[in-house]
N, C-alpha and C. Protein backbone atom coordinates (compact mmCIF):
# COMPACT_ATOMS: atom_id res chain seq x y z
N MET A 1 -13.33 41.80 -34.43
CA MET A 1 -12.48 40.86 -33.74
C MET A 1 -12.05 39.73 -34.67
N TRP A 2 -12.98 39.29 -35.51
CA TRP A 2 -12.68 38.19 -36.42
C TRP A 2 -11.46 38.51 -37.28
N GLN A 3 -11.48 39.68 -37.88
CA GLN A 3 -10.37 40.04 -38.75
C GLN A 3 -9.07 40.20 -37.96
N GLY A 4 -9.16 40.74 -36.77
CA GLY A 4 -7.96 40.90 -35.95
C GLY A 4 -7.33 39.57 -35.58
N VAL A 5 -8.16 38.60 -35.19
CA VAL A 5 -7.64 37.30 -34.75
C VAL A 5 -7.39 36.35 -35.91
N ARG A 6 -8.41 36.11 -36.71
CA ARG A 6 -8.32 35.10 -37.75
C ARG A 6 -7.54 35.54 -38.98
N GLU A 7 -7.59 36.83 -39.27
CA GLU A 7 -6.90 37.33 -40.45
C GLU A 7 -5.63 38.10 -40.08
N HIS A 8 -5.27 38.02 -38.81
CA HIS A 8 -4.00 38.57 -38.31
C HIS A 8 -3.82 40.05 -38.65
N LYS A 9 -4.89 40.83 -38.41
CA LYS A 9 -4.80 42.26 -38.70
C LYS A 9 -4.31 43.07 -37.49
N GLY A 10 -4.08 42.41 -36.38
CA GLY A 10 -3.43 43.08 -35.27
C GLY A 10 -4.32 43.45 -34.10
N TRP A 11 -3.65 43.96 -33.08
CA TRP A 11 -4.32 44.27 -31.82
C TRP A 11 -5.28 45.43 -31.92
N ILE A 12 -5.06 46.34 -32.84
CA ILE A 12 -5.99 47.47 -32.97
C ILE A 12 -7.36 46.97 -33.41
N TRP A 13 -7.39 46.05 -34.37
CA TRP A 13 -8.66 45.46 -34.82
C TRP A 13 -9.31 44.68 -33.68
N ILE A 14 -8.51 43.92 -32.95
CA ILE A 14 -9.06 43.14 -31.83
C ILE A 14 -9.62 44.08 -30.77
N GLY A 15 -8.84 45.10 -30.42
CA GLY A 15 -9.30 46.06 -29.41
C GLY A 15 -10.56 46.79 -29.83
N ALA A 16 -10.63 47.18 -31.10
CA ALA A 16 -11.83 47.85 -31.60
C ALA A 16 -13.04 46.91 -31.51
N GLY A 17 -12.83 45.63 -31.81
CA GLY A 17 -13.93 44.66 -31.70
C GLY A 17 -14.39 44.47 -30.27
N VAL A 18 -13.44 44.40 -29.35
CA VAL A 18 -13.79 44.26 -27.93
C VAL A 18 -14.59 45.48 -27.46
N ILE A 19 -14.13 46.65 -27.84
CA ILE A 19 -14.84 47.88 -27.44
C ILE A 19 -16.24 47.92 -28.04
N ALA A 20 -16.35 47.59 -29.33
CA ALA A 20 -17.66 47.63 -29.98
C ALA A 20 -18.64 46.65 -29.34
N LEU A 21 -18.17 45.43 -29.07
CA LEU A 21 -19.06 44.45 -28.44
C LEU A 21 -19.42 44.86 -27.02
N GLY A 22 -18.46 45.41 -26.31
CA GLY A 22 -18.73 45.87 -24.94
C GLY A 22 -19.74 47.01 -24.92
N LEU A 23 -19.57 47.98 -25.81
CA LEU A 23 -20.53 49.09 -25.88
C LEU A 23 -21.92 48.61 -26.27
N TYR A 24 -21.98 47.64 -27.16
CA TYR A 24 -23.28 47.08 -27.54
C TYR A 24 -23.99 46.50 -26.31
N GLY A 25 -23.26 45.77 -25.50
CA GLY A 25 -23.85 45.20 -24.29
C GLY A 25 -24.30 46.26 -23.31
N VAL A 26 -23.53 47.31 -23.15
CA VAL A 26 -23.89 48.40 -22.23
C VAL A 26 -25.13 49.13 -22.74
N VAL A 27 -25.14 49.48 -24.02
CA VAL A 27 -26.28 50.19 -24.58
C VAL A 27 -27.56 49.36 -24.43
N ALA A 28 -27.47 48.07 -24.66
CA ALA A 28 -28.66 47.21 -24.53
C ALA A 28 -29.21 47.22 -23.11
N THR A 29 -28.34 47.23 -22.11
CA THR A 29 -28.82 47.21 -20.73
C THR A 29 -29.41 48.54 -20.29
N LEU A 30 -29.13 49.62 -20.98
CA LEU A 30 -29.62 50.94 -20.60
C LEU A 30 -30.98 51.27 -21.20
N GLN A 31 -31.53 50.40 -22.00
CA GLN A 31 -32.81 50.68 -22.64
C GLN A 31 -33.93 50.59 -21.62
N SER A 32 -34.78 51.61 -21.62
CA SER A 32 -35.87 51.64 -20.63
C SER A 32 -37.20 51.17 -21.21
N ASP A 33 -37.27 50.92 -22.47
CA ASP A 33 -38.50 50.50 -23.12
C ASP A 33 -38.91 49.12 -22.61
N ASP A 34 -40.16 48.98 -22.20
CA ASP A 34 -40.67 47.69 -21.71
C ASP A 34 -40.64 46.62 -22.79
N ASN A 35 -40.63 47.03 -24.04
CA ASN A 35 -40.62 46.08 -25.14
C ASN A 35 -39.22 45.87 -25.71
N PHE A 36 -38.19 46.26 -24.97
CA PHE A 36 -36.85 46.16 -25.52
C PHE A 36 -36.47 44.71 -25.83
N GLY A 37 -36.93 43.76 -25.04
CA GLY A 37 -36.65 42.36 -25.34
C GLY A 37 -37.18 41.97 -26.71
N ARG A 38 -38.34 42.46 -27.04
CA ARG A 38 -38.94 42.20 -28.35
C ARG A 38 -38.12 42.88 -29.44
N ILE A 39 -37.71 44.10 -29.19
CA ILE A 39 -36.89 44.83 -30.16
C ILE A 39 -35.56 44.12 -30.37
N LEU A 40 -34.94 43.66 -29.30
CA LEU A 40 -33.67 42.97 -29.40
C LEU A 40 -33.81 41.64 -30.16
N ALA A 41 -34.91 40.94 -29.91
CA ALA A 41 -35.15 39.68 -30.63
C ALA A 41 -35.33 39.96 -32.13
N ALA A 42 -36.04 41.02 -32.45
CA ALA A 42 -36.23 41.37 -33.85
C ALA A 42 -34.90 41.78 -34.48
N TYR A 43 -34.09 42.49 -33.74
CA TYR A 43 -32.76 42.86 -34.24
C TYR A 43 -31.95 41.62 -34.59
N GLY A 44 -32.13 40.55 -33.81
CA GLY A 44 -31.41 39.32 -34.08
C GLY A 44 -31.69 38.78 -35.46
N GLY A 45 -32.95 38.85 -35.90
CA GLY A 45 -33.30 38.39 -37.24
C GLY A 45 -32.61 39.21 -38.31
N VAL A 46 -32.59 40.52 -38.12
CA VAL A 46 -31.92 41.40 -39.07
C VAL A 46 -30.41 41.16 -39.03
N PHE A 47 -29.88 40.89 -37.85
CA PHE A 47 -28.45 40.65 -37.70
C PHE A 47 -28.01 39.42 -38.49
N VAL A 48 -28.80 38.35 -38.43
CA VAL A 48 -28.46 37.13 -39.15
C VAL A 48 -28.40 37.41 -40.66
N ALA A 49 -29.44 38.01 -41.19
CA ALA A 49 -29.48 38.30 -42.62
C ALA A 49 -28.38 39.30 -43.00
N GLY A 50 -28.18 40.29 -42.16
CA GLY A 50 -27.13 41.28 -42.42
C GLY A 50 -25.74 40.69 -42.38
N SER A 51 -25.53 39.72 -41.51
CA SER A 51 -24.22 39.07 -41.43
C SER A 51 -23.91 38.31 -42.71
N ILE A 52 -24.90 37.65 -43.25
CA ILE A 52 -24.70 36.94 -44.51
C ILE A 52 -24.42 37.94 -45.62
N ALA A 53 -25.18 39.03 -45.65
CA ALA A 53 -24.95 40.05 -46.68
C ALA A 53 -23.56 40.68 -46.53
N TRP A 54 -23.14 40.96 -45.30
CA TRP A 54 -21.82 41.52 -45.06
C TRP A 54 -20.73 40.56 -45.53
N GLY A 55 -20.90 39.28 -45.25
CA GLY A 55 -19.93 38.30 -45.71
C GLY A 55 -19.83 38.27 -47.22
N MET A 56 -20.96 38.45 -47.90
CA MET A 56 -20.95 38.49 -49.36
C MET A 56 -20.19 39.70 -49.88
N VAL A 57 -20.43 40.85 -49.26
CA VAL A 57 -19.81 42.10 -49.73
C VAL A 57 -18.33 42.17 -49.33
N ALA A 58 -18.05 41.89 -48.07
CA ALA A 58 -16.71 42.11 -47.54
C ALA A 58 -15.75 40.96 -47.79
N ASP A 59 -16.26 39.74 -47.79
CA ASP A 59 -15.38 38.57 -47.86
C ASP A 59 -15.58 37.70 -49.10
N GLY A 60 -16.52 38.08 -49.97
CA GLY A 60 -16.76 37.28 -51.15
C GLY A 60 -17.46 35.96 -50.85
N TYR A 61 -18.10 35.87 -49.68
CA TYR A 61 -18.83 34.66 -49.28
C TYR A 61 -20.04 34.45 -50.18
N ARG A 62 -20.27 33.23 -50.57
CA ARG A 62 -21.44 32.90 -51.37
C ARG A 62 -22.33 31.95 -50.58
N PRO A 63 -23.47 32.45 -50.10
CA PRO A 63 -24.35 31.60 -49.30
C PRO A 63 -24.98 30.51 -50.15
N ASP A 64 -25.21 29.35 -49.52
CA ASP A 64 -25.94 28.30 -50.23
C ASP A 64 -27.43 28.46 -49.92
N ARG A 65 -28.23 27.58 -50.46
CA ARG A 65 -29.68 27.74 -50.29
C ARG A 65 -30.11 27.63 -48.84
N PHE A 66 -29.38 26.86 -48.03
CA PHE A 66 -29.75 26.73 -46.62
C PHE A 66 -29.43 27.99 -45.84
N ASP A 67 -28.36 28.68 -46.21
CA ASP A 67 -28.07 29.98 -45.61
C ASP A 67 -29.20 30.96 -45.91
N VAL A 68 -29.61 30.98 -47.16
CA VAL A 68 -30.67 31.91 -47.58
C VAL A 68 -31.99 31.55 -46.90
N ILE A 69 -32.33 30.27 -46.89
CA ILE A 69 -33.58 29.84 -46.23
C ILE A 69 -33.55 30.18 -44.74
N GLY A 70 -32.42 29.91 -44.09
CA GLY A 70 -32.31 30.23 -42.67
C GLY A 70 -32.46 31.72 -42.40
N ALA A 71 -31.84 32.55 -43.24
CA ALA A 71 -31.96 34.00 -43.08
C ALA A 71 -33.41 34.45 -43.28
N LEU A 72 -34.08 33.84 -44.27
CA LEU A 72 -35.48 34.19 -44.50
C LEU A 72 -36.37 33.79 -43.32
N PHE A 73 -36.08 32.64 -42.71
CA PHE A 73 -36.81 32.24 -41.51
C PHE A 73 -36.60 33.27 -40.40
N CYS A 74 -35.37 33.71 -40.24
CA CYS A 74 -35.08 34.72 -39.21
C CYS A 74 -35.83 36.01 -39.47
N LEU A 75 -35.86 36.45 -40.72
CA LEU A 75 -36.58 37.68 -41.06
C LEU A 75 -38.09 37.49 -40.88
N ALA A 76 -38.60 36.31 -41.21
CA ALA A 76 -40.02 36.05 -40.99
C ALA A 76 -40.34 36.07 -39.50
N GLY A 77 -39.46 35.47 -38.69
CA GLY A 77 -39.65 35.51 -37.24
C GLY A 77 -39.62 36.93 -36.72
N MET A 78 -38.71 37.74 -37.24
CA MET A 78 -38.64 39.14 -36.86
C MET A 78 -39.94 39.86 -37.19
N ALA A 79 -40.50 39.58 -38.35
CA ALA A 79 -41.76 40.22 -38.74
C ALA A 79 -42.89 39.82 -37.81
N VAL A 80 -42.94 38.56 -37.41
CA VAL A 80 -43.98 38.10 -36.48
C VAL A 80 -43.81 38.81 -35.13
N ILE A 81 -42.58 38.85 -34.64
CA ILE A 81 -42.33 39.50 -33.34
C ILE A 81 -42.73 40.97 -33.37
N MET A 82 -42.39 41.66 -34.44
CA MET A 82 -42.61 43.10 -34.49
C MET A 82 -44.04 43.49 -34.86
N TYR A 83 -44.69 42.72 -35.72
CA TYR A 83 -45.94 43.21 -36.30
C TYR A 83 -47.18 42.39 -35.97
N ALA A 84 -47.03 41.35 -35.15
CA ALA A 84 -48.22 40.56 -34.77
C ALA A 84 -49.16 41.42 -33.92
N PRO A 85 -50.46 41.32 -34.18
CA PRO A 85 -51.41 42.09 -33.36
C PRO A 85 -51.42 41.51 -31.94
N ARG A 86 -51.36 42.37 -30.96
CA ARG A 86 -51.25 41.93 -29.57
C ARG A 86 -52.49 42.28 -28.74
N GLY A 87 -53.33 43.12 -29.22
CA GLY A 87 -54.58 43.40 -28.53
C GLY A 87 -54.45 44.13 -27.19
N HIS A 88 -53.46 45.01 -27.08
CA HIS A 88 -53.38 45.80 -25.85
C HIS A 88 -53.12 47.24 -26.13
């Protein structure tokens, strides 16, 4: 959607973005795993770091130290969510 709207790539890009985001929301609601909230939260950490990496590759974005530190915090949080011993 970003490229369609901000970079004026047209309605096809915008429509593809709308469809992708909509499908993401539908797929998330269909998950039957009791721990899906935990999985989704962990995905958020990967999403943040991946977004910065994508910006570097696709747009030539150069993150500053606060971007990198923030992404590392997100990945550390993801590791705690996914791998902390829960005793059950």
